[in-house]
Amino acid sequence: MAILSIEDLHVHYSTARGVTRAVDGASFVVPDGDIVGLVGESGCGKTTVARAITRVMPRNATMPSGRIMFEGRDLLTLSHKDMTSLRWRRIAFVPQSAMNSLDPVYRVGEQIVEVLRDRGGYDRARAEARSAELFAMVGLDAKRLRDYPHQFSGGMRQRAAIALALALDPVLLIADEPVTALDVIVQRQVLDTLKELQARLRLSVIMVTHDISVVAYVCDRVVVMYAGQVVESGPANAVLSAPVHPYTMGLYNAFPDLARAEGQLTPIEGSPPDLSDPPPGCRFAPRCPFAEARCHDASPPLREHGGGHVAACWRAEEAGALRAKAAEVATWQR
């Protein structure tokens, strides 16, 4: 059963250069109790999708079509009041930088108490007790509730931000690049904390990341976005072990893998397209080493490849052969 379903979502930004189609027909589901990784390069639309779910968007953003179904209700049709009642209580957000969610001039504990009292109806005694409980939950000493954010290390700030997001027992947690600014050891500690909390609290989680190794470590499912569109999605094991879309193959090559003896990383040359004027056909075609004429002419539909694994590629039937070629560095050096 899906707790969240994104259906043909479009998000546009009005700019001085025209309309940027940041999300252009994205569709995917978040099964109840799963961790879903939303992965892709910077500018692919993944953070825009995450913020559209909470409807915390800049003023120049519009959502002209699509649906975001959460617990049977379309979030895009809810009133401001109804949407506000869902934030924190049912849907919580952990921003990319913990300092974006922690006020630098207030003690961390006071910030959690404020949320619990203003949004949760707690009295001060219960709020303070709950704050200590939340800190223990994320592996922080309750004594640190008296400290300011600048007195915390990066990993501790990220844990505190997670505690703040979980204050009112949400059922869906959206984490936007939660470990990007941390060293690899602290990254693993924070990810382990998230995995433990997800299992203990039966949370559904959307993990927004550009790092496919993070998806491999923590996620049950993966959604690969490129240029505002979903190009591949499905169970994480299936997508990462046998990717169908060349972009997913390229992402896999671009991140470290201990199984590669030579340890060589292969970048995807070029940059994502300008979404105010995207190219016709498959948007990855200008960078794809396997692109054919039809790839530049028409956009491929998402097609099923077994077990809920879907991908949008005209050459999907050749995926096995393409994966072998994609593993060669020379394939991407054009």
Protein backbone atom coordinates (compact mmCIF):
# COMPACT_ATOMS: atom_id res chain seq x y z
CA MET A 1 0.00 0.00 0.00
CA ALA A 2 1.33 3.45 -0.93
CA ILE A 3 1.25 6.21 1.66
CA LEU A 4 2.17 8.75 -1.05
CA SER A 5 1.58 8.79 -4.78
CA ILE A 6 2.95 11.45 -7.14
CA GLU A 7 0.92 11.50 -10.35
CA ASP A 8 2.04 13.43 -13.46
CA LEU A 9 3.32 16.33 -11.36
CA HIS A 10 4.35 19.57 -13.07
CA VAL A 11 6.12 22.39 -11.23
CA HIS A 12 7.08 25.60 -13.03
CA TYR A 13 9.16 28.59 -11.97
CA SER A 14 8.52 31.98 -13.56
CA THR A 15 11.83 33.76 -14.18
CA ALA A 16 13.11 36.73 -16.14
CA ARG A 17 14.13 34.27 -18.87
CA GLY A 18 10.69 32.68 -19.06
CA VAL A 19 9.11 29.59 -17.52
CA THR A 20 11.42 26.88 -16.18
CA ARG A 21 9.78 23.44 -16.09
CA ALA A 22 11.60 22.19 -13.01
CA VAL A 23 9.38 19.12 -12.73
CA ASP A 24 7.75 17.94 -15.93
CA GLY A 25 5.35 15.05 -15.50
CA ALA A 26 6.96 13.14 -12.62
CA SER A 27 5.18 10.07 -11.24
CA PHE A 28 6.21 7.61 -8.50
CA VAL A 29 4.92 6.02 -5.29
CA VAL A 30 6.19 5.74 -1.73
CA PRO A 31 5.03 2.41 -0.22
CA ASP A 32 4.02 2.52 3.43
CA GLY A 33 7.04 1.89 5.65
CA ASP A 34 9.66 2.07 2.87
CA ILE A 35 12.68 4.31 2.37
CA VAL A 36 12.57 5.70 -1.17
CA GLY A 37 15.68 7.30 -2.62
CA LEU A 38 15.10 10.24 -4.99
CA VAL A 39 18.39 10.49 -6.86
CA GLY A 40 19.89 12.59 -9.63
CA GLU A 41 22.29 15.44 -10.38
CA SER A 42 21.82 18.96 -9.05
CA GLY A 43 19.04 20.69 -10.94
CA CYS A 44 17.17 17.51 -11.89
CA GLY A 45 14.06 18.50 -9.88
CA LYS A 46 14.31 16.19 -6.89
CA THR A 47 14.31 18.93 -4.22
CA THR A 48 11.47 20.70 -6.03
CA VAL A 49 9.42 17.48 -5.83
CA ALA A 50 10.22 17.15 -2.12
CA ARG A 51 9.16 20.73 -1.39
CA ALA A 52 6.04 20.39 -3.55
CA ILE A 53 4.89 17.60 -1.22
CA THR A 54 4.99 20.01 1.73
CA ARG A 55 3.80 22.91 -0.45
CA VAL A 56 6.56 25.13 0.91
CA MET A 57 7.50 26.76 -2.39
CA PRO A 58 8.94 30.11 -3.53
CA ARG A 59 6.48 32.71 -4.75
CA ASN A 60 7.43 32.26 -8.39
CA ALA A 61 6.49 28.56 -8.32
CA THR A 62 3.26 27.14 -9.72
CA MET A 63 1.95 23.59 -9.95
CA PRO A 64 -0.32 23.70 -13.02
CA SER A 65 -1.20 20.02 -13.09
CA GLY A 66 -0.72 16.70 -11.39
CA ARG A 67 -1.71 15.15 -8.07
CA ILE A 68 0.08 14.44 -4.80
CA MET A 69 -2.03 11.83 -3.04
CA PHE A 70 -1.24 11.42 0.67
CA GLU A 71 -3.37 9.17 2.86
CA GLY A 72 -6.18 9.42 0.33
CA ARG A 73 -6.14 13.21 -0.08
CA ASP A 74 -4.70 15.32 -2.88
CA LEU A 75 -2.34 17.74 -1.14
CA LEU A 76 -2.57 20.20 -4.03
CA THR A 77 -6.28 20.75 -3.36
CA LEU A 78 -6.02 21.31 0.41
CA SER A 79 -6.56 24.72 1.95
CA HIS A 80 -3.63 26.54 3.52
CA LYS A 81 -5.06 25.74 6.97
CA ASP A 82 -5.46 22.03 6.25
CA MET A 83 -2.00 21.83 4.75
CA THR A 84 -0.50 23.59 7.77
CA SER A 85 -2.12 21.03 10.05
CA LEU A 86 -0.35 18.22 8.18
CA ARG A 87 3.13 19.70 8.32
CA TRP A 88 5.15 18.34 11.23
CA ARG A 89 2.23 16.25 12.50
CA ARG A 90 1.96 13.92 9.48
CA ILE A 91 4.72 15.10 7.10
CA ALA A 92 8.10 16.36 8.35
CA PHE A 93 11.07 17.79 6.46
CA VAL A 94 14.80 17.65 7.22
CA PRO A 95 16.58 20.31 5.12
CA GLN A 96 19.95 19.88 3.43
CA SER A 97 21.77 22.00 6.01
CA ALA A 98 20.78 21.52 9.63
CA MET A 99 21.55 25.20 10.24
CA ASN A 100 18.59 26.01 7.96
CA SER A 101 16.22 24.46 10.49
CA LEU A 102 17.99 25.49 13.71
CA ASP A 103 17.88 29.12 14.84
CA PRO A 104 21.45 30.13 15.77
CA VAL A 105 20.38 32.49 18.59
CA TYR A 106 18.20 30.02 20.53
CA ARG A 107 19.23 26.96 22.49
CA VAL A 108 18.40 23.77 20.63
CA GLY A 109 16.20 22.48 23.42
CA GLU A 110 14.11 25.66 23.44
CA GLN A 111 13.50 25.27 19.73
CA ILE A 112 12.16 21.74 20.18
CA VAL A 113 10.05 22.83 23.16
CA GLU A 114 8.58 25.66 21.08
CA VAL A 115 7.49 23.25 18.34
CA LEU A 116 5.97 20.86 20.85
CA ARG A 117 4.05 23.61 22.65
CA ASP A 118 2.93 25.67 19.65
CA ARG A 119 2.18 22.86 17.22
CA GLY A 120 1.61 19.90 19.51
CA GLY A 121 -0.24 21.44 22.45
CA TYR A 122 2.27 20.20 25.04
CA ASP A 123 2.73 21.98 28.36
CA ARG A 124 6.32 22.94 29.24
CA ALA A 125 7.02 19.97 31.51
CA ARG A 126 5.83 17.44 28.93
CA ALA A 127 7.66 19.30 26.15
CA GLU A 128 10.95 19.22 28.04
CA ALA A 129 10.55 15.52 28.77
CA ARG A 130 9.71 14.84 25.14
CA SER A 131 12.77 16.84 24.01
CA ALA A 132 15.04 14.67 26.15
CA GLU A 133 13.34 11.58 24.73
CA LEU A 134 13.90 12.80 21.17
CA PHE A 135 17.57 13.50 21.81
CA ALA A 136 18.03 10.02 23.26
CA MET A 137 16.27 8.62 20.19
CA VAL A 138 18.87 10.15 17.85
CA GLY A 139 21.83 9.35 20.09
CA LEU A 140 22.40 12.75 21.73
CA ASP A 141 22.89 13.46 25.43
CA ALA A 142 19.95 15.38 26.91
CA LYS A 143 22.46 17.76 28.53
CA ARG A 144 23.16 19.14 25.04
CA LEU A 145 19.61 20.52 24.85
CA ARG A 146 20.99 23.57 26.69
CA ASP A 147 23.55 24.26 23.96
CA TYR A 148 23.32 26.48 20.89
CA PRO A 149 23.58 25.07 17.34
CA HIS A 150 27.10 26.43 16.85
CA GLN A 151 28.28 24.31 19.78
CA PHE A 152 27.34 21.13 17.91
CA SER A 153 29.43 19.31 15.33
CA GLY A 154 27.95 18.87 11.85
CA GLY A 155 26.78 15.34 12.61
CA MET A 156 25.23 16.40 15.92
CA ARG A 157 23.38 19.28 14.22
CA GLN A 158 21.99 16.86 11.65
CA ARG A 159 20.83 14.51 14.42
CA ALA A 160 19.21 17.45 16.22
CA ALA A 161 17.42 18.42 12.99
CA ILE A 162 16.11 14.86 12.69
CA ALA A 163 14.92 14.99 16.31
CA LEU A 164 13.14 18.28 15.59
CA ALA A 165 11.45 16.78 12.51
CA LEU A 166 10.24 13.76 14.51
CA ALA A 167 8.90 15.83 17.42
CA LEU A 168 5.21 15.31 16.59
CA ASP A 169 5.42 11.70 15.37
CA PRO A 170 5.00 12.18 11.60
CA VAL A 171 4.35 9.20 9.34
CA LEU A 172 6.29 10.57 6.35
CA LEU A 173 9.79 12.03 6.69
CA ILE A 174 11.42 13.87 3.78
CA ALA A 175 15.20 14.20 4.16
CA ASP A 176 16.85 16.52 1.63
CA GLU A 177 20.54 15.62 1.21
CA PRO A 178 20.84 14.90 4.96
CA VAL A 179 24.50 13.79 4.87
CA THR A 180 26.00 15.77 1.98
CA ALA A 181 28.14 18.14 4.08
CA LEU A 182 29.43 15.44 6.46
CA ASP A 183 32.55 13.28 6.34
CA VAL A 184 32.03 9.63 5.39
CA ILE A 185 32.23 8.25 8.93
CA VAL A 186 29.63 10.70 10.24
CA GLN A 187 27.54 10.10 7.11
CA ARG A 188 27.28 6.44 7.98
CA GLN A 189 26.41 7.19 11.60
CA VAL A 190 23.58 9.54 10.57
CA LEU A 191 22.30 7.08 7.96
CA ASP A 192 22.37 4.25 10.51
CA THR A 193 20.36 6.46 12.87
CA LEU A 194 17.78 7.14 10.15
CA LYS A 195 17.52 3.43 9.31
CA GLU A 196 17.05 2.51 12.95
CA LEU A 197 14.39 5.18 13.50
CA GLN A 198 12.57 4.23 10.31
CA ALA A 199 12.36 0.61 11.41
CA ARG A 200 11.44 1.41 15.01
CA LEU A 201 8.80 4.05 14.20
CA ARG A 202 7.54 2.45 10.95
CA LEU A 203 8.25 5.68 9.11
CA SER A 204 7.95 6.15 5.39
CA VAL A 205 10.98 8.12 4.19
CA ILE A 206 11.91 10.02 1.03
CA MET A 207 15.69 10.36 0.88
CA VAL A 208 16.71 13.10 -1.57
CA THR A 209 20.32 12.63 -2.66
CA HIS A 210 22.74 12.94 -5.55
CA ASP A 211 24.82 10.04 -4.17
CA ILE A 212 23.73 6.66 -5.49
CA SER A 213 25.86 4.92 -2.83
CA VAL A 214 23.57 6.40 -0.16
CA VAL A 215 20.60 4.90 -1.99
CA ALA A 216 22.33 1.52 -2.12
CA TYR A 217 23.01 1.63 1.62
CA VAL A 218 19.64 2.66 3.04
CA CYS A 219 16.84 2.60 0.46
CA ASP A 220 14.20 0.00 -0.35
CA ARG A 221 13.25 1.71 -3.61
CA VAL A 222 14.89 4.23 -5.91
CA VAL A 223 13.49 6.92 -8.20
CA VAL A 224 16.01 8.32 -10.71
CA MET A 225 15.26 11.83 -11.99
CA TYR A 226 16.83 13.66 -14.90
CA ALA A 227 15.90 17.10 -16.25
CA GLY A 228 12.63 17.23 -14.32
CA GLN A 229 11.44 13.76 -15.29
CA VAL A 230 11.51 10.28 -13.76
CA VAL A 231 13.62 8.13 -16.07
CA GLU A 232 13.78 4.95 -13.97
CA SER A 233 12.33 3.62 -10.71
CA GLY A 234 11.76 0.39 -8.85
CA PRO A 235 13.17 -1.78 -6.05
CA ALA A 236 16.66 -0.53 -5.18
CA ASN A 237 18.32 -3.93 -5.64
CA ALA A 238 16.81 -4.36 -9.11
CA VAL A 239 17.56 -0.85 -10.34
CA LEU A 240 21.13 -0.74 -9.02
CA SER A 241 22.11 -4.27 -10.01
CA ALA A 242 20.53 -4.13 -13.46
CA PRO A 243 19.84 -0.52 -14.49
CA VAL A 244 17.93 -0.09 -17.74
CA HIS A 245 18.37 3.62 -18.41
CA PRO A 246 21.83 4.81 -19.51
CA TYR A 247 21.63 7.74 -17.09
CA THR A 248 21.32 5.34 -14.16
CA MET A 249 24.28 3.37 -15.53
CA GLY A 250 26.27 6.61 -15.71
CA LEU A 251 25.38 7.59 -12.16
CA TYR A 252 26.55 4.20 -10.92
CA ASN A 253 29.90 4.63 -12.69
CA ALA A 254 30.39 8.12 -11.26
CA PHE A 255 30.43 7.07 -7.59
CA PRO A 256 32.95 4.94 -5.65
CA ASP A 257 32.50 1.17 -5.60
CA LEU A 258 34.83 -0.97 -3.47
CA ALA A 259 34.28 -3.87 -5.87
CA ARG A 260 36.10 -1.99 -8.64
CA ALA A 261 39.73 -3.02 -8.28
CA GLU A 262 41.00 -0.11 -10.33
CA GLY A 263 38.94 2.38 -8.33
CA GLN A 264 38.43 4.55 -11.40
CA LEU A 265 35.38 6.84 -11.49
CA THR A 266 33.81 7.77 -14.80
CA PRO A 267 31.97 11.10 -15.04
CA ILE A 268 29.03 11.76 -17.34
CA GLU A 269 30.34 14.41 -19.66
CA GLY A 270 28.27 17.54 -20.30
CA SER A 271 25.52 19.15 -18.24
CA PRO A 272 21.77 18.73 -17.81
CA PRO A 273 19.68 20.78 -20.27
CA ASP A 274 18.19 24.22 -19.70
CA LEU A 275 14.67 23.48 -18.46
CA SER A 276 13.34 26.75 -19.81
CA ASP A 277 14.02 25.31 -23.27
CA PRO A 278 14.51 21.52 -22.98
CA PRO A 279 15.58 19.53 -26.03
CA PRO A 280 13.06 17.38 -27.94
CA GLY A 281 13.01 13.63 -27.45
CA CYS A 282 14.84 12.00 -24.57
CA ARG A 283 16.40 14.75 -22.48
CA PHE A 284 19.46 12.63 -21.76
CA ALA A 285 20.12 11.99 -25.46
CA PRO A 286 22.64 14.86 -25.91
CA ARG A 287 24.86 13.25 -23.23
CA CYS A 288 24.03 9.59 -23.85
CA PRO A 289 26.71 7.44 -25.57
CA PHE A 290 23.99 5.09 -26.82
CA ALA A 291 21.60 7.66 -28.31
CA GLU A 292 20.09 6.99 -31.74
CA ALA A 293 18.16 9.25 -34.10
CA ARG A 294 14.81 8.32 -32.55
CA CYS A 295 16.10 9.31 -29.11
CA HIS A 296 16.42 12.91 -30.32
CA ASP A 297 13.02 12.89 -32.01
CA ALA A 298 10.57 11.46 -29.47
CA SER A 299 10.46 11.09 -25.69
CA PRO A 300 10.30 7.43 -24.61
CA PRO A 301 7.49 6.39 -22.23
CA LEU A 302 8.06 4.69 -18.89
CA ARG A 303 7.71 0.95 -19.47
CA GLU A 304 7.55 -1.99 -17.07
CA HIS A 305 10.54 -4.33 -16.92
CA GLY A 306 9.30 -6.73 -14.26
CA GLY A 307 8.77 -6.53 -10.51
CA GLY A 308 7.75 -2.87 -10.50
CA HIS A 309 10.97 -1.83 -12.27
CA VAL A 310 10.15 0.84 -14.88
CA ALA A 311 12.37 2.88 -17.20
CA ALA A 312 12.02 5.31 -20.09
CA CYS A 313 14.50 4.30 -22.79
CA TRP A 314 14.00 3.38 -26.44
CA ARG A 315 16.80 0.80 -26.18
CA ALA A 316 15.57 -0.87 -22.98
CA GLU A 317 15.51 -4.32 -24.60
CA GLU A 318 19.27 -3.98 -25.14
CA ALA A 319 19.97 -3.04 -21.51
CA GLY A 320 22.20 -6.03 -20.81
CA ALA A 321 24.54 -5.22 -23.68
CA LEU A 322 24.45 -1.51 -22.89
CA ARG A 323 25.42 -2.17 -19.25
CA ALA A 324 28.50 -4.05 -20.42
CA LYS A 325 29.51 -1.15 -22.65
CA ALA A 326 28.64 1.41 -19.95
CA ALA A 327 31.17 -0.24 -17.62
CA GLU A 328 33.96 0.73 -20.03
CA VAL A 329 35.52 4.14 -19.39
CA ALA A 330 36.00 4.75 -23.11
CA THR A 331 32.25 4.61 -23.68
CA TRP A 332 31.75 7.87 -21.79
CA GLN A 333 34.80 9.69 -23.13
CA ARG A 334 33.38 11.26 -26.25
